[in-house]
Amino acid sequence: MAKRNTIIVQGTIINITSLKEEDYICLTDMVAGKEDNIRAADVIKNWIRNRSTIEFLGTWESLYNPNFKVVEFDHFRKEAGLPTFTMSVSN
């Protein structure tokens, strides 16, 4: 069962979920502290489509996910950073 905690950073409450001794911070909370909620979604959308972010995620998955589909990921890696490339939870 996941345990939830919060921290306050520069007046912004950021949720932390702990699961199996690993902590996960809420990126949306972090960005919302800087901008309004609509702008926060745009910041995360742009971050997730960035080539460096995509390459980092691919490396992380290669190391820690035995079911990672490298061939399917290659499509995302090649498209990352292009103006036409977008990421969503459905990709």
N, C-alpha and C. Protein backbone atom coordinates (compact mmCIF):
# COMPACT_ATOMS: atom_id res chain seq x y z
N MET A 1 0.84 -1.18 0.00
CA MET A 1 0.00 0.00 0.00
C MET A 1 0.88 1.25 0.00
N ALA A 2 0.53 2.20 -0.81
CA ALA A 2 1.30 3.43 -0.94
C ALA A 2 1.04 4.35 0.25
N LYS A 3 2.09 5.00 0.69
CA LYS A 3 2.01 5.97 1.78
C LYS A 3 2.20 7.35 1.18
N ARG A 4 1.40 8.30 1.63
CA ARG A 4 1.48 9.67 1.09
C ARG A 4 2.02 10.63 2.14
N ASN A 5 2.90 11.49 1.69
CA ASN A 5 3.46 12.56 2.50
C ASN A 5 3.44 13.83 1.66
N THR A 6 3.72 14.93 2.29
CA THR A 6 3.86 16.18 1.56
C THR A 6 5.07 16.93 2.09
N ILE A 7 5.61 17.76 1.24
CA ILE A 7 6.64 18.71 1.64
C ILE A 7 6.20 20.07 1.13
N ILE A 8 6.72 21.11 1.72
CA ILE A 8 6.42 22.46 1.26
C ILE A 8 7.72 23.08 0.76
N VAL A 9 7.72 23.49 -0.49
CA VAL A 9 8.88 24.10 -1.11
C VAL A 9 8.48 25.48 -1.61
N GLN A 10 9.10 26.49 -1.08
CA GLN A 10 8.81 27.88 -1.44
C GLN A 10 7.31 28.15 -1.42
N GLY A 11 6.65 27.65 -0.39
CA GLY A 11 5.22 27.89 -0.20
C GLY A 11 4.30 27.00 -1.01
N THR A 12 4.84 26.06 -1.75
CA THR A 12 4.04 25.15 -2.57
C THR A 12 4.03 23.77 -1.94
N ILE A 13 2.83 23.21 -1.77
CA ILE A 13 2.70 21.86 -1.23
C ILE A 13 2.94 20.86 -2.36
N ILE A 14 3.87 19.95 -2.14
CA ILE A 14 4.21 18.93 -3.12
C ILE A 14 3.96 17.57 -2.50
N ASN A 15 3.14 16.78 -3.17
CA ASN A 15 2.81 15.44 -2.69
C ASN A 15 3.92 14.46 -3.01
N ILE A 16 4.18 13.57 -2.07
CA ILE A 16 5.16 12.50 -2.23
C ILE A 16 4.45 11.19 -1.93
N THR A 17 4.57 10.24 -2.83
CA THR A 17 4.01 8.91 -2.60
C THR A 17 5.17 7.95 -2.40
N SER A 18 5.11 7.18 -1.33
CA SER A 18 6.14 6.19 -1.04
C SER A 18 5.55 4.80 -1.28
N LEU A 19 6.25 4.00 -2.06
CA LEU A 19 5.81 2.66 -2.39
C LEU A 19 7.02 1.74 -2.42
N LYS A 20 6.99 0.72 -1.60
CA LYS A 20 8.10 -0.24 -1.53
C LYS A 20 9.44 0.47 -1.30
N GLU A 21 9.47 1.36 -0.36
CA GLU A 21 10.67 2.10 0.03
C GLU A 21 11.23 3.01 -1.08
N GLU A 22 10.41 3.34 -2.07
CA GLU A 22 10.78 4.29 -3.12
C GLU A 22 9.85 5.49 -3.02
N ASP A 23 10.38 6.70 -3.20
CA ASP A 23 9.59 7.92 -3.14
C ASP A 23 9.38 8.48 -4.54
N TYR A 24 8.14 8.94 -4.78
CA TYR A 24 7.78 9.52 -6.06
C TYR A 24 7.17 10.90 -5.80
N ILE A 25 7.75 11.93 -6.40
CA ILE A 25 7.24 13.28 -6.20
C ILE A 25 6.28 13.63 -7.33
N CYS A 26 5.34 14.49 -7.05
CA CYS A 26 4.34 14.89 -8.03
C CYS A 26 4.86 16.05 -8.85
N LEU A 27 5.16 15.78 -10.11
CA LEU A 27 5.68 16.84 -11.00
C LEU A 27 4.65 17.94 -11.21
N THR A 28 3.38 17.57 -11.28
CA THR A 28 2.33 18.57 -11.47
C THR A 28 2.31 19.56 -10.31
N ASP A 29 2.47 19.07 -9.08
CA ASP A 29 2.52 19.96 -7.92
C ASP A 29 3.72 20.90 -8.02
N MET A 30 4.86 20.37 -8.44
CA MET A 30 6.07 21.19 -8.54
C MET A 30 5.88 22.32 -9.54
N VAL A 31 5.33 22.01 -10.69
CA VAL A 31 5.16 23.01 -11.74
C VAL A 31 4.05 23.99 -11.38
N ALA A 32 3.00 23.50 -10.74
CA ALA A 32 1.88 24.37 -10.37
C ALA A 32 2.32 25.47 -9.40
N GLY A 33 3.37 25.22 -8.67
CA GLY A 33 3.88 26.24 -7.77
C GLY A 33 4.44 27.44 -8.49
N LYS A 34 4.88 27.25 -9.71
CA LYS A 34 5.45 28.32 -10.51
C LYS A 34 4.41 29.03 -11.37
N GLU A 35 3.46 28.27 -11.87
CA GLU A 35 2.51 28.79 -12.85
C GLU A 35 1.09 28.37 -12.45
N ASP A 36 0.10 28.84 -13.19
CA ASP A 36 -1.26 28.37 -12.96
C ASP A 36 -1.41 26.94 -13.49
N ASN A 37 -2.50 26.27 -13.18
CA ASN A 37 -2.68 24.87 -13.54
C ASN A 37 -2.66 24.62 -15.05
N ILE A 38 -3.22 25.52 -15.83
CA ILE A 38 -3.21 25.33 -17.28
C ILE A 38 -1.79 25.39 -17.80
N ARG A 39 -1.04 26.37 -17.35
CA ARG A 39 0.36 26.51 -17.77
C ARG A 39 1.19 25.33 -17.27
N ALA A 40 0.87 24.82 -16.08
CA ALA A 40 1.60 23.67 -15.53
C ALA A 40 1.51 22.48 -16.46
N ALA A 41 0.32 22.23 -17.00
CA ALA A 41 0.15 21.11 -17.93
C ALA A 41 1.01 21.29 -19.17
N ASP A 42 1.10 22.52 -19.66
CA ASP A 42 1.94 22.80 -20.84
C ASP A 42 3.41 22.58 -20.53
N VAL A 43 3.85 22.98 -19.35
CA VAL A 43 5.26 22.80 -18.97
C VAL A 43 5.61 21.32 -18.94
N ILE A 44 4.74 20.51 -18.35
CA ILE A 44 5.00 19.07 -18.27
C ILE A 44 4.94 18.45 -19.66
N LYS A 45 3.96 18.86 -20.47
CA LYS A 45 3.84 18.33 -21.83
C LYS A 45 5.11 18.62 -22.62
N ASN A 46 5.64 19.82 -22.51
CA ASN A 46 6.87 20.17 -23.23
C ASN A 46 8.08 19.43 -22.68
N TRP A 47 8.12 19.23 -21.38
CA TRP A 47 9.23 18.50 -20.76
C TRP A 47 9.23 17.05 -21.22
N ILE A 48 8.05 16.43 -21.24
CA ILE A 48 7.96 15.00 -21.57
C ILE A 48 8.26 14.73 -23.05
N ARG A 49 8.12 15.73 -23.90
CA ARG A 49 8.41 15.52 -25.32
C ARG A 49 9.84 15.91 -25.69
N ASN A 50 10.59 16.43 -24.75
CA ASN A 50 11.97 16.84 -24.96
C ASN A 50 12.85 15.62 -25.25
N ARG A 51 13.74 15.74 -26.21
CA ARG A 51 14.60 14.61 -26.60
C ARG A 51 15.41 14.07 -25.42
N SER A 52 15.97 14.94 -24.61
CA SER A 52 16.77 14.47 -23.47
C SER A 52 15.92 13.70 -22.47
N THR A 53 14.70 14.16 -22.25
CA THR A 53 13.80 13.46 -21.33
C THR A 53 13.45 12.08 -21.88
N ILE A 54 13.12 12.01 -23.16
CA ILE A 54 12.77 10.73 -23.79
C ILE A 54 13.95 9.77 -23.71
N GLU A 55 15.16 10.26 -23.98
CA GLU A 55 16.34 9.38 -23.90
C GLU A 55 16.59 8.92 -22.47
N PHE A 56 16.40 9.80 -21.50
CA PHE A 56 16.54 9.41 -20.09
C PHE A 56 15.54 8.32 -19.74
N LEU A 57 14.27 8.52 -20.12
CA LEU A 57 13.23 7.53 -19.82
C LEU A 57 13.54 6.19 -20.49
N GLY A 58 14.05 6.23 -21.72
CA GLY A 58 14.42 4.99 -22.40
C GLY A 58 15.55 4.27 -21.70
N THR A 59 16.54 5.01 -21.25
CA THR A 59 17.65 4.41 -20.51
C THR A 59 17.17 3.80 -19.21
N TRP A 60 16.32 4.55 -18.48
CA TRP A 60 15.79 4.05 -17.22
C TRP A 60 15.00 2.77 -17.44
N GLU A 61 14.13 2.76 -18.44
CA GLU A 61 13.32 1.57 -18.74
C GLU A 61 14.20 0.39 -19.13
N SER A 62 15.25 0.65 -19.92
CA SER A 62 16.16 -0.43 -20.32
C SER A 62 16.83 -1.08 -19.12
N LEU A 63 17.16 -0.26 -18.14
CA LEU A 63 17.83 -0.78 -16.94
C LEU A 63 16.89 -1.48 -15.97
N TYR A 64 15.68 -0.97 -15.80
CA TYR A 64 14.82 -1.43 -14.73
C TYR A 64 13.53 -2.14 -15.15
N ASN A 65 13.23 -2.18 -16.43
CA ASN A 65 12.00 -2.82 -16.88
C ASN A 65 12.34 -3.97 -17.82
N PRO A 66 12.25 -5.21 -17.32
CA PRO A 66 12.59 -6.35 -18.17
C PRO A 66 11.63 -6.53 -19.35
N ASN A 67 10.45 -5.91 -19.30
CA ASN A 67 9.47 -6.02 -20.38
C ASN A 67 9.50 -4.83 -21.33
N PHE A 68 10.51 -3.98 -21.20
CA PHE A 68 10.61 -2.79 -22.03
C PHE A 68 10.75 -3.17 -23.50
N LYS A 69 9.96 -2.53 -24.34
CA LYS A 69 9.95 -2.83 -25.78
C LYS A 69 10.84 -1.82 -26.50
N VAL A 70 12.11 -2.17 -26.62
CA VAL A 70 13.12 -1.27 -27.18
C VAL A 70 12.77 -0.86 -28.61
N VAL A 71 12.31 -1.80 -29.42
CA VAL A 71 12.01 -1.50 -30.82
C VAL A 71 10.86 -0.50 -30.92
N GLU A 72 9.82 -0.68 -30.12
CA GLU A 72 8.70 0.26 -30.13
C GLU A 72 9.13 1.63 -29.61
N PHE A 73 10.01 1.64 -28.61
CA PHE A 73 10.49 2.90 -28.05
C PHE A 73 11.30 3.69 -29.08
N ASP A 74 11.99 3.01 -29.96
CA ASP A 74 12.84 3.67 -30.95
C ASP A 74 12.06 4.71 -31.77
N HIS A 75 10.79 4.44 -32.03
CA HIS A 75 9.94 5.41 -32.74
C HIS A 75 9.86 6.72 -31.96
N PHE A 76 9.63 6.64 -30.64
CA PHE A 76 9.53 7.84 -29.80
C PHE A 76 10.87 8.57 -29.76
N ARG A 77 11.94 7.81 -29.63
CA ARG A 77 13.26 8.43 -29.55
C ARG A 77 13.59 9.21 -30.82
N LYS A 78 13.25 8.66 -31.97
CA LYS A 78 13.55 9.33 -33.25
C LYS A 78 12.70 10.59 -33.45
N GLU A 79 11.48 10.58 -32.95
CA GLU A 79 10.56 11.70 -33.14
C GLU A 79 10.72 12.80 -32.09
N ALA A 80 11.30 12.46 -30.95
CA ALA A 80 11.40 13.39 -29.82
C ALA A 80 12.09 14.69 -30.22
N GLY A 81 11.52 15.80 -29.78
CA GLY A 81 12.10 17.11 -30.04
C GLY A 81 11.62 17.76 -31.32
N LEU A 82 11.01 16.98 -32.21
CA LEU A 82 10.49 17.57 -33.44
C LEU A 82 9.22 18.37 -33.12
N PRO A 83 8.95 19.43 -33.87
CA PRO A 83 7.76 20.25 -33.59
C PRO A 83 6.45 19.47 -33.67
N THR A 84 6.41 18.43 -34.46
CA THR A 84 5.19 17.65 -34.63
C THR A 84 5.01 16.56 -33.58
N PHE A 85 6.03 16.32 -32.77
CA PHE A 85 5.98 15.23 -31.79
C PHE A 85 5.27 15.68 -30.51
N THR A 86 4.30 14.90 -30.09
CA THR A 86 3.65 15.13 -28.81
C THR A 86 3.56 13.80 -28.06
N MET A 87 3.51 13.89 -26.75
CA MET A 87 3.36 12.71 -25.91
C MET A 87 2.08 12.86 -25.12
N SER A 88 1.42 11.75 -24.90
CA SER A 88 0.26 11.72 -24.03
C SER A 88 0.21 10.36 -23.38
N VAL A 89 -0.70 10.18 -22.44
CA VAL A 89 -0.80 8.88 -21.77
C VAL A 89 -1.26 7.80 -22.73
N SER A 90 -1.83 8.17 -23.85
CA SER A 90 -2.27 7.16 -24.81
C SER A 90 -1.15 6.71 -25.74
N ASN A 91 -0.01 7.45 -25.81
CA ASN A 91 1.09 7.04 -26.69
C ASN A 91 1.61 5.76 -26.15
